[in-house]
Protein backbone atom coordinates (compact mmCIF):
# COMPACT_ATOMS: atom_id res chain seq x y z
CA UNK A 1 135.31 80.23 89.39
CA UNK A 2 138.12 82.85 88.86
CA UNK A 3 137.63 86.88 88.01
CA UNK A 4 139.97 89.59 87.43
CA UNK A 5 139.00 93.17 88.54
CA UNK A 6 141.01 95.81 86.67
CA UNK A 7 142.73 98.84 87.94
CA UNK A 8 139.48 101.47 87.62
CA UNK A 9 136.61 98.97 89.56
CA UNK A 10 139.21 98.15 92.34
CA UNK A 11 138.30 100.69 94.01
CA UNK A 12 134.70 100.36 93.82
CA UNK A 13 135.53 96.70 94.37
CA UNK A 14 136.89 97.93 97.80
CA UNK A 15 134.01 100.41 98.82
CA UNK A 16 131.81 97.74 98.24
CA UNK A 17 133.02 95.11 100.64
CA UNK A 18 132.90 98.04 103.03
CA UNK A 19 129.77 98.23 102.80
CA UNK A 20 129.19 94.86 103.51
CA UNK A 21 131.03 95.57 106.12
CA UNK A 22 128.72 97.57 107.87
CA UNK A 23 125.91 95.39 108.41
CA UNK A 24 127.38 91.53 108.89
CA UNK A 25 129.73 89.89 109.78
CA UNK A 26 129.84 86.77 106.23
CA UNK A 27 130.39 87.01 103.17
CA UNK A 28 127.82 84.80 100.95
CA UNK A 29 129.55 84.87 97.51
CA UNK A 30 127.40 83.09 95.17
CA UNK A 31 128.91 82.69 91.64
CA UNK A 32 126.89 82.62 88.27
CA UNK A 33 126.87 82.53 84.45
CA UNK A 34 125.80 86.64 84.60
CA UNK A 35 128.11 87.50 87.02
CA UNK A 36 129.08 87.07 91.06
CA UNK A 37 127.14 87.97 93.52
CA UNK A 38 128.22 89.20 97.02
CA UNK A 39 125.55 88.72 99.94
CA UNK A 40 125.51 89.52 103.50
CA UNK A 41 122.39 89.34 106.38
CA UNK A 42 122.37 91.67 109.85
CA UNK A 43 122.83 89.56 113.41
CA UNK A 44 119.26 90.33 113.95
CA UNK A 45 118.01 89.51 110.23
CA UNK A 46 116.12 92.93 110.35
CA UNK A 47 119.08 94.58 106.90
CA UNK A 48 119.32 92.38 103.79
CA UNK A 49 122.46 93.47 102.08
CA UNK A 50 123.28 92.68 97.93
CA UNK A 51 126.02 93.44 95.17
CA UNK A 52 125.50 91.82 91.99
CA UNK A 53 128.53 92.74 89.53
CA UNK A 54 127.74 91.47 85.93
CA UNK A 55 130.49 89.91 83.58
CA UNK A 56 131.69 93.38 82.35
CA UNK A 57 132.62 94.50 85.32
CA UNK A 58 135.63 91.89 85.58
CA UNK A 59 138.60 91.88 82.68
CA UNK A 60 138.83 88.18 82.56
CA UNK A 61 135.44 86.30 84.12
CA UNK A 62 135.36 82.40 84.21
CA UNK A 63 132.31 80.84 86.55
CA UNK A 64 133.77 77.45 86.58
CA UNK A 65 130.45 75.86 85.86
CA UNK A 66 131.09 74.63 82.30
CA UNK A 67 128.74 76.83 80.61
CA UNK A 68 125.96 74.05 82.77
CA UNK A 69 123.25 76.03 85.59
CA UNK A 70 122.85 74.10 88.66
CA UNK A 71 119.84 73.05 89.56
CA UNK A 72 117.32 74.54 91.20
CA UNK A 73 118.25 73.82 94.99
CA UNK A 74 121.12 72.85 94.34
CA UNK A 75 124.11 74.62 96.89
CA UNK A 76 127.04 73.50 95.04
CA UNK A 77 128.07 76.74 93.87
CA UNK A 78 127.21 78.50 97.23
CA UNK A 79 129.78 79.61 99.77
CA UNK A 80 130.82 81.79 102.66
CA UNK A 81 133.42 83.45 104.01
CA UNK A 82 134.85 85.51 107.48
CA UNK A 83 133.77 89.20 106.45
CA UNK A 84 136.74 90.58 109.19
CA UNK A 85 138.94 88.89 106.68
CA UNK A 86 137.93 89.92 103.32
CA UNK A 87 137.49 93.61 105.27
CA UNK A 88 141.14 93.14 105.86
CA UNK A 89 142.35 92.62 102.76
CA UNK A 90 141.01 95.65 101.05
CA UNK A 91 141.73 98.31 104.07
CA UNK A 92 142.77 101.79 102.64
CA UNK A 93 140.22 102.82 99.77
CA UNK A 94 142.42 105.72 98.85
CA UNK A 95 144.93 103.31 98.39
CA UNK A 96 143.57 100.68 96.35
CA UNK A 97 143.47 102.52 93.31
CA UNK A 98 147.37 103.96 92.97
CA UNK A 99 148.67 101.19 94.70
CA UNK A 100 147.03 97.62 92.69
CA UNK A 101 147.06 97.04 89.12
CA UNK A 102 144.91 94.04 89.23
CA UNK A 103 142.66 91.80 91.39
CA UNK A 104 142.48 88.29 90.34
CA UNK A 105 139.45 86.35 92.95
CA UNK A 106 139.37 82.38 92.72
CA UNK A 107 137.63 80.12 94.67
CA UNK A 108 138.88 76.69 94.52
CA UNK A 109 135.95 73.98 95.18
CA UNK A 110 138.71 71.34 96.03
CA UNK A 111 140.53 73.02 98.33
CA UNK A 112 137.22 75.29 99.97
CA UNK A 113 139.43 78.01 99.59
CA UNK A 114 138.94 81.75 98.48
CA UNK A 115 142.03 83.00 97.04
CA UNK A 116 142.81 86.72 96.19
CA UNK A 117 145.45 88.32 94.91
CA UNK A 118 146.88 91.67 94.88
CA UNK A 119 149.18 92.73 92.18
CA UNK A 120 150.20 95.49 93.20
CA UNK A 121 152.91 98.56 91.13
CA UNK A 122 156.79 97.36 91.35
CA UNK A 123 155.74 93.98 90.25
CA UNK A 124 154.66 93.44 94.21
CA UNK A 125 152.10 90.43 94.45
CA UNK A 126 149.82 89.98 97.54
CA UNK A 127 148.63 86.51 98.41
CA UNK A 128 145.59 86.04 100.37
CA UNK A 129 143.97 82.41 101.49
CA UNK A 130 140.90 82.52 102.78
CA UNK A 131 139.45 79.11 104.38
CA UNK A 132 135.33 79.41 103.32
CA UNK A 133 132.20 76.86 103.97
CA UNK A 134 129.08 75.76 102.11
CA UNK A 135 126.36 77.14 102.69
CA UNK A 136 122.56 77.75 101.80
CA UNK A 137 121.05 80.13 99.47
CA UNK A 138 121.37 83.90 100.86
CA UNK A 139 117.93 85.37 99.34
CA UNK A 140 115.52 88.41 101.04
CA UNK A 141 111.73 87.88 99.48
CA UNK A 142 110.24 90.71 98.46
CA UNK A 143 108.77 92.46 95.75
CA UNK A 144 109.59 96.41 94.74
CA UNK A 145 107.07 96.91 91.90
CA UNK A 146 103.99 95.38 94.34
CA UNK A 147 105.00 98.63 96.40
CA UNK A 148 102.55 102.19 95.92
CA UNK A 149 104.96 104.67 97.31
CA UNK A 150 108.96 105.27 95.05
CA UNK A 151 111.42 107.86 95.34
CA UNK A 152 114.97 108.13 93.82
CA UNK A 153 116.70 110.68 94.77
CA UNK A 154 120.79 111.86 94.72
CA UNK A 155 123.05 110.48 97.04
CA UNK A 156 124.81 112.89 97.83
CA UNK A 157 120.80 115.06 98.37
CA UNK A 158 120.20 112.24 101.64
CA UNK A 159 123.99 112.20 102.94
CA UNK A 160 123.46 115.83 103.59
CA UNK A 161 120.96 115.86 105.08
CA UNK A 162 121.97 112.67 106.81
CA UNK A 163 124.89 114.31 108.43
CA UNK A 164 122.90 117.09 110.31
CA UNK A 165 122.34 113.75 112.85
CA UNK A 166 125.12 114.32 115.12
CA UNK A 167 124.37 111.98 118.16
CA UNK A 168 126.75 109.10 118.44
CA UNK A 169 123.93 107.12 120.25
CA UNK A 170 121.90 107.56 117.89
CA UNK A 171 121.28 104.37 116.19
CA UNK A 172 117.21 104.86 114.63
CA UNK A 173 115.95 107.46 112.26
CA UNK A 174 112.25 108.32 111.20
CA UNK A 175 111.12 108.87 107.59
CA UNK A 176 108.12 111.00 107.77
CA UNK A 177 106.75 110.65 103.98
CA UNK A 178 104.06 113.10 102.69
CA UNK A 179 102.66 114.22 99.56
CA UNK A 180 105.08 117.37 99.94
CA UNK A 181 107.88 116.62 101.31
CA UNK A 182 109.95 114.04 103.44
CA UNK A 183 110.63 115.32 107.05
CA UNK A 184 113.75 112.93 108.84
CA UNK A 185 113.97 112.71 112.41
CA UNK A 186 116.00 111.58 115.42
CA UNK A 187 113.78 108.35 117.26
CA UNK A 188 115.15 108.04 120.31
CA UNK A 189 113.21 106.27 123.22
CA UNK A 190 113.15 108.13 125.87
CA UNK A 191 110.96 108.70 129.07
CA UNK A 192 111.99 112.67 129.51
CA UNK A 193 112.46 113.71 126.13
CA UNK A 194 113.77 116.63 127.16
CA UNK A 195 117.06 115.34 128.08
CA UNK A 196 117.91 114.11 124.47
CA UNK A 197 118.65 116.35 120.99
CA UNK A 198 116.34 115.66 118.71
CA UNK A 199 117.59 116.57 115.15
CA UNK A 200 114.44 117.66 112.23
CA UNK A 201 115.82 117.87 109.19
CA UNK A 202 112.56 118.79 105.79
CA UNK A 203 113.60 118.00 102.29
CA UNK A 204 111.07 119.57 99.62
CA UNK A 205 109.94 117.81 97.12
CA UNK A 206 111.76 119.74 94.35
CA UNK A 207 115.35 118.05 96.05
CA UNK A 208 114.34 114.60 94.43
CA UNK A 209 114.27 113.61 90.78
CA UNK A 210 110.87 111.79 91.11
CA UNK A 211 109.18 111.28 94.27
CA UNK A 212 105.63 109.42 93.93
CA UNK A 213 103.87 109.27 97.28
CA UNK A 214 100.39 108.71 98.24
CA UNK A 215 99.35 108.12 101.46
CA UNK A 216 101.12 109.55 104.86
CA UNK A 217 103.07 107.07 106.01
CA UNK A 218 105.84 107.42 108.77
CA UNK A 219 108.67 104.47 108.89
CA UNK A 220 112.14 104.11 111.12
CA UNK A 221 114.69 101.75 110.18
CA UNK A 222 118.75 101.78 111.74
CA UNK A 223 120.26 104.92 110.73
CA UNK A 224 124.00 102.35 110.57
CA UNK A 225 122.36 100.51 107.57
CA UNK A 226 121.56 103.51 106.12
CA UNK A 227 124.79 105.13 105.73
CA UNK A 228 126.17 102.42 104.80
CA UNK A 229 124.06 102.24 101.92
CA UNK A 230 124.95 106.36 101.16
CA UNK A 231 128.21 105.43 101.31
CA UNK A 232 129.11 103.49 98.60
CA UNK A 233 126.31 105.59 96.56
CA UNK A 234 127.56 108.85 97.76
CA UNK A 235 130.93 108.40 96.28
CA UNK A 236 129.94 106.69 92.99
CA UNK A 237 127.54 109.61 92.13
CA UNK A 238 124.22 106.97 91.11
CA UNK A 239 121.19 108.19 92.52
CA UNK A 240 119.41 106.00 94.99
CA UNK A 241 115.96 104.31 95.06
CA UNK A 242 113.39 103.63 98.02
CA UNK A 243 110.22 101.17 97.03
CA UNK A 244 108.10 101.08 100.64
CA UNK A 245 104.37 100.58 102.00
CA UNK A 246 103.75 101.51 105.12
CA UNK A 247 105.03 101.27 108.77
CA UNK A 248 105.19 97.36 109.14
CA UNK A 249 106.64 96.72 105.24
CA UNK A 250 109.85 96.94 104.75
CA UNK A 251 111.62 99.11 102.68
CA UNK A 252 114.10 98.86 99.92
CA UNK A 253 116.85 100.84 98.66
CA UNK A 254 117.96 100.11 95.31
CA UNK A 255 120.86 101.58 93.13
CA UNK A 256 122.66 100.42 90.09
CA UNK A 257 125.29 101.20 87.58
CA UNK A 258 124.28 98.58 84.59
CA UNK A 259 125.77 96.77 83.33
CA UNK A 260 128.44 96.79 85.82
CA UNK A 261 127.13 96.10 89.38
CA UNK A 262 123.16 97.04 90.94
CA UNK A 263 123.11 96.69 94.76
CA UNK A 264 119.32 96.06 97.04
CA UNK A 265 119.31 96.79 100.57
CA UNK A 266 116.38 96.06 102.31
CA UNK A 267 115.25 96.83 105.68
CA UNK A 268 112.94 96.17 108.43
CA UNK A 269 110.53 98.67 109.69
CA UNK A 270 109.09 99.27 113.21
CA UNK A 271 106.12 98.88 113.36
CA UNK A 272 103.83 101.71 114.64
CA UNK A 273 101.41 101.51 118.01
CA UNK A 274 98.28 102.86 117.20
CA UNK A 275 97.26 105.77 119.92
CA UNK A 276 94.23 105.36 122.54
CA UNK A 277 91.46 107.14 121.11
CA UNK A 278 92.82 108.44 118.21
CA UNK A 279 92.87 107.37 114.23
CA UNK A 280 96.25 105.89 112.82
CA UNK A 281 95.46 107.24 109.68
CA UNK A 282 93.62 110.90 111.17
CA UNK A 283 97.17 111.45 112.48
CA UNK A 284 99.42 113.48 110.03
CA UNK A 285 103.80 113.55 110.10
CA UNK A 286 103.54 117.07 111.12
CA UNK A 287 102.08 116.81 114.15
CA UNK A 288 104.78 115.64 116.96
CA UNK A 289 103.84 112.70 119.17
CA UNK A 290 102.14 112.58 122.44
CA UNK A 291 104.73 112.45 124.97
CA UNK A 292 104.58 109.65 127.70
CA UNK A 293 106.89 111.24 129.82
CA UNK A 294 104.98 113.09 133.43
CA UNK A 295 105.28 116.89 133.52
CA UNK A 296 107.14 118.24 136.54
CA UNK A 297 105.31 119.53 139.86
CA UNK A 298 106.63 122.68 139.62
CA UNK A 299 105.10 123.18 136.13
CA UNK A 300 101.11 121.39 137.03
CA UNK A 301 100.48 119.81 140.49
CA UNK A 302 96.93 118.98 139.58
CA UNK A 303 94.44 117.84 136.89
CA UNK A 304 92.09 119.55 134.70
CA UNK A 305 88.63 119.85 136.68
CA UNK A 306 87.52 117.64 132.93
CA UNK A 307 89.68 114.98 133.78
CA UNK A 308 89.20 114.38 136.99
CA UNK A 309 85.73 113.92 136.14
CA UNK A 310 87.09 111.55 134.16
CA UNK A 311 88.71 109.60 136.98
CA UNK A 312 84.97 110.19 138.84
CA UNK A 313 83.23 108.29 136.82
CA UNK A 314 86.00 105.09 136.67
CA UNK A 315 86.39 105.65 140.21
CA UNK A 316 82.71 104.84 142.08
CA UNK A 317 82.43 106.43 145.36
CA UNK A 318 85.03 108.58 144.97
CA UNK A 319 84.90 112.04 146.35
CA UNK A 320 86.50 114.72 143.94
CA UNK A 321 88.10 116.35 147.41
CA UNK A 322 90.03 112.56 147.94
CA UNK A 323 90.77 112.66 143.64
CA UNK A 324 92.81 116.30 143.87
CA UNK A 325 94.62 115.30 147.04
CA UNK A 326 95.50 112.06 145.31
CA UNK A 327 96.34 113.07 142.59
CA UNK A 328 98.84 116.51 143.88
CA UNK A 329 101.15 113.98 146.08
CA UNK A 330 101.18 111.48 143.37
CA UNK A 331 102.94 114.88 141.40
CA UNK A 332 104.46 115.86 143.29
CA UNK A 333 106.42 112.22 144.29
CA UNK A 334 107.49 111.83 140.24
CA UNK A 335 108.59 115.73 140.19
CA UNK A 336 111.58 114.53 143.80
CA UNK A 337 112.40 111.45 141.67
CA UNK A 338 112.66 112.79 137.90
CA UNK A 339 113.83 116.36 138.59
CA UNK A 340 117.02 117.25 139.50
CA UNK A 341 117.23 118.72 143.33
CA UNK A 342 118.69 122.50 142.82
CA UNK A 343 114.71 123.09 140.86
CA UNK A 344 112.47 121.82 143.60
CA UNK A 345 111.89 123.98 146.16
CA UNK A 346 112.54 123.79 148.93
CA UNK A 347 109.00 123.39 151.03
CA UNK A 348 108.62 120.11 148.63
CA UNK A 349 111.43 118.25 149.76
CA UNK A 350 110.18 117.16 153.04
CA UNK A 351 106.85 116.30 151.79
CA UNK A 352 105.07 113.66 153.44
CA UNK A 353 104.52 110.73 151.14
CA UNK A 354 102.57 108.08 153.29
CA UNK A 355 99.02 107.68 153.43
CA UNK A 356 97.20 109.88 150.49
CA UNK A 357 93.64 107.82 151.04
CA UNK A 358 92.18 111.77 152.90
CA UNK A 359 91.96 114.68 151.86
CA UNK A 360 93.82 116.66 154.21
CA UNK A 361 96.59 119.31 153.10
CA UNK A 362 99.44 118.53 152.78
CA UNK A 363 102.57 119.81 155.71
CA UNK A 364 106.13 120.08 155.62
CA UNK A 365 107.74 117.63 158.05
CA UNK A 366 109.66 120.11 160.71
CA UNK A 367 112.65 118.51 162.23
CA UNK A 368 112.93 117.73 165.99
CA UNK A 369 116.65 120.22 166.46
CA UNK A 370 116.16 119.67 170.15
CA UNK A 371 119.24 117.47 170.66
CA UNK A 372 121.01 119.85 168.27
CA UNK A 373 120.02 123.00 170.51
CA UNK A 374 122.05 120.89 173.70
CA UNK A 375 124.18 120.38 172.17
CA UNK A 376 125.08 123.42 170.91
CA UNK A 377 124.62 125.36 174.13
CA UNK A 378 127.37 122.26 175.38
CA UNK A 379 130.01 123.66 173.20
CA UNK A 380 129.65 127.25 174.03
CA UNK A 381 130.74 126.45 177.60
CA UNK A 382 133.40 124.53 176.94
CA UNK A 383 137.00 126.30 175.83
CA UNK A 384 137.76 126.25 172.02
CA UNK A 385 141.04 124.54 172.36
CA UNK A 386 139.43 121.55 174.77
CA UNK A 387 137.71 118.30 173.14
CA UNK A 388 134.19 118.21 172.36
CA UNK A 389 131.38 117.07 176.17
CA UNK A 390 131.18 114.00 173.86
CA UNK A 391 134.57 113.21 174.22
CA UNK A 392 135.86 113.96 176.89
CA UNK A 393 133.04 112.34 178.95
CA UNK A 394 133.48 109.44 176.28
CA UNK A 395 137.43 109.19 177.71
CA UNK A 396 136.93 110.05 181.43
CA UNK A 397 133.32 108.48 181.62
CA UNK A 398 134.80 105.99 184.44
CA UNK A 399 135.15 109.51 186.78
CA UNK A 400 131.72 110.36 186.38
CA UNK A 401 130.41 106.67 187.81
CA UNK A 402 128.29 107.32 191.28
CA UNK A 403 130.10 103.64 192.12
CA UNK A 404 133.72 104.94 191.70
CA UNK A 405 136.37 104.63 194.84
CA UNK A 406 140.03 106.07 194.13
CA UNK A 407 141.42 103.81 196.25
CA UNK A 408 140.50 100.54 194.33
CA UNK A 409 142.40 102.36 191.51
CA UNK A 410 146.06 100.58 191.85
CA UNK A 411 148.94 102.48 192.99
CA UNK A 412 147.10 104.72 194.90
CA UNK A 413 149.06 104.48 197.67
CA UNK A 414 152.22 105.47 196.65
CA UNK A 415 154.43 108.61 197.17
CA UNK A 416 155.54 109.81 194.17
CA UNK A 417 156.95 113.26 194.64
CA UNK A 418 157.46 114.44 199.05
CA UNK A 419 156.09 117.13 199.70
CA UNK A 420 157.66 120.82 200.32
CA UNK A 421 159.18 122.31 202.98
CA UNK A 422 156.72 124.76 204.36
CA UNK A 423 159.99 127.10 204.15
CA UNK A 424 160.66 127.23 201.12
């Protein structure tokens, strides 16, 4: 296979390589009579990204098939290379259009090499030889025509909406589709929602070129792949189309600039778990999800009377007073574990976390300060410059022993200084 990309299309080809590199680590190349396909798949198999460049995209194109179409199941004309190696060649997208005059791609099947040759200004030619290996066909199975919901939007509208999500640790985003508007909100699996930043952006139906939603649904997808898609379409100014059915089914993004190229991104969506006692179709996207976090004890330390009565029905031979006392102790214990120390009253810090089977009132634990009071009295009798009583008793402990005899010490009978004269 041999093909040459002109000056006007080199920048778009480089953007396509950058978009593919944000999804997968391997670049699959498949030439055909109508053009070349560049595909990749994420390591978790949750995202499939494909670019199909037609013959008109190249100034010269030769598939190398000799006018023959390979038989079905034949893997002769498919290969893959390391994505990082190709990305380093097209590094610096803004300089490609100004410095590169043309780009030539050559696949040599006998040598198992992909040759990328960049012809720059002033006669400078950069040649890169990349080794490839043969591989199986990479093709996602999907049918966008069977999807009941679809929308068409200017890529810059979606790109501007996603620019409001500034969290660097945000990995997933939820699309809440309703017949009237689209709600974008951050999806964070955090036990305590108050510890994270939540962002919600609403787009009305009039902001889309085409918006056909049959029923309310919420789709949660990876944000990284969405941004890779919109980074390409937003720079080229083409519209993005989305086809989907519901949670658990893939969402398909397509865009094209025929007859030059077309792109497809297929993303897996998160399956929603229906809440207990609530039908999934009865809840709207406008309603917030039931929080799974536990409230602090300072806000509500006891359950409502209706909830206590329900617990009585499930727990036979148990009085309401026992349940109320048990619930109170559990709530206070959670507050001590999950809330900050400065937010908890002083009386709750020393609460007893013992047996909760009885209905006795909770009494704060009183500390025994008798020993500390005795030490303070001893310290008050000592001279400020002298060591504490504990240290003096430690260093001179033998002097306080009942069996101490000074005559047993060596050198007790040696006179080091004579007595002074009485006259002096």
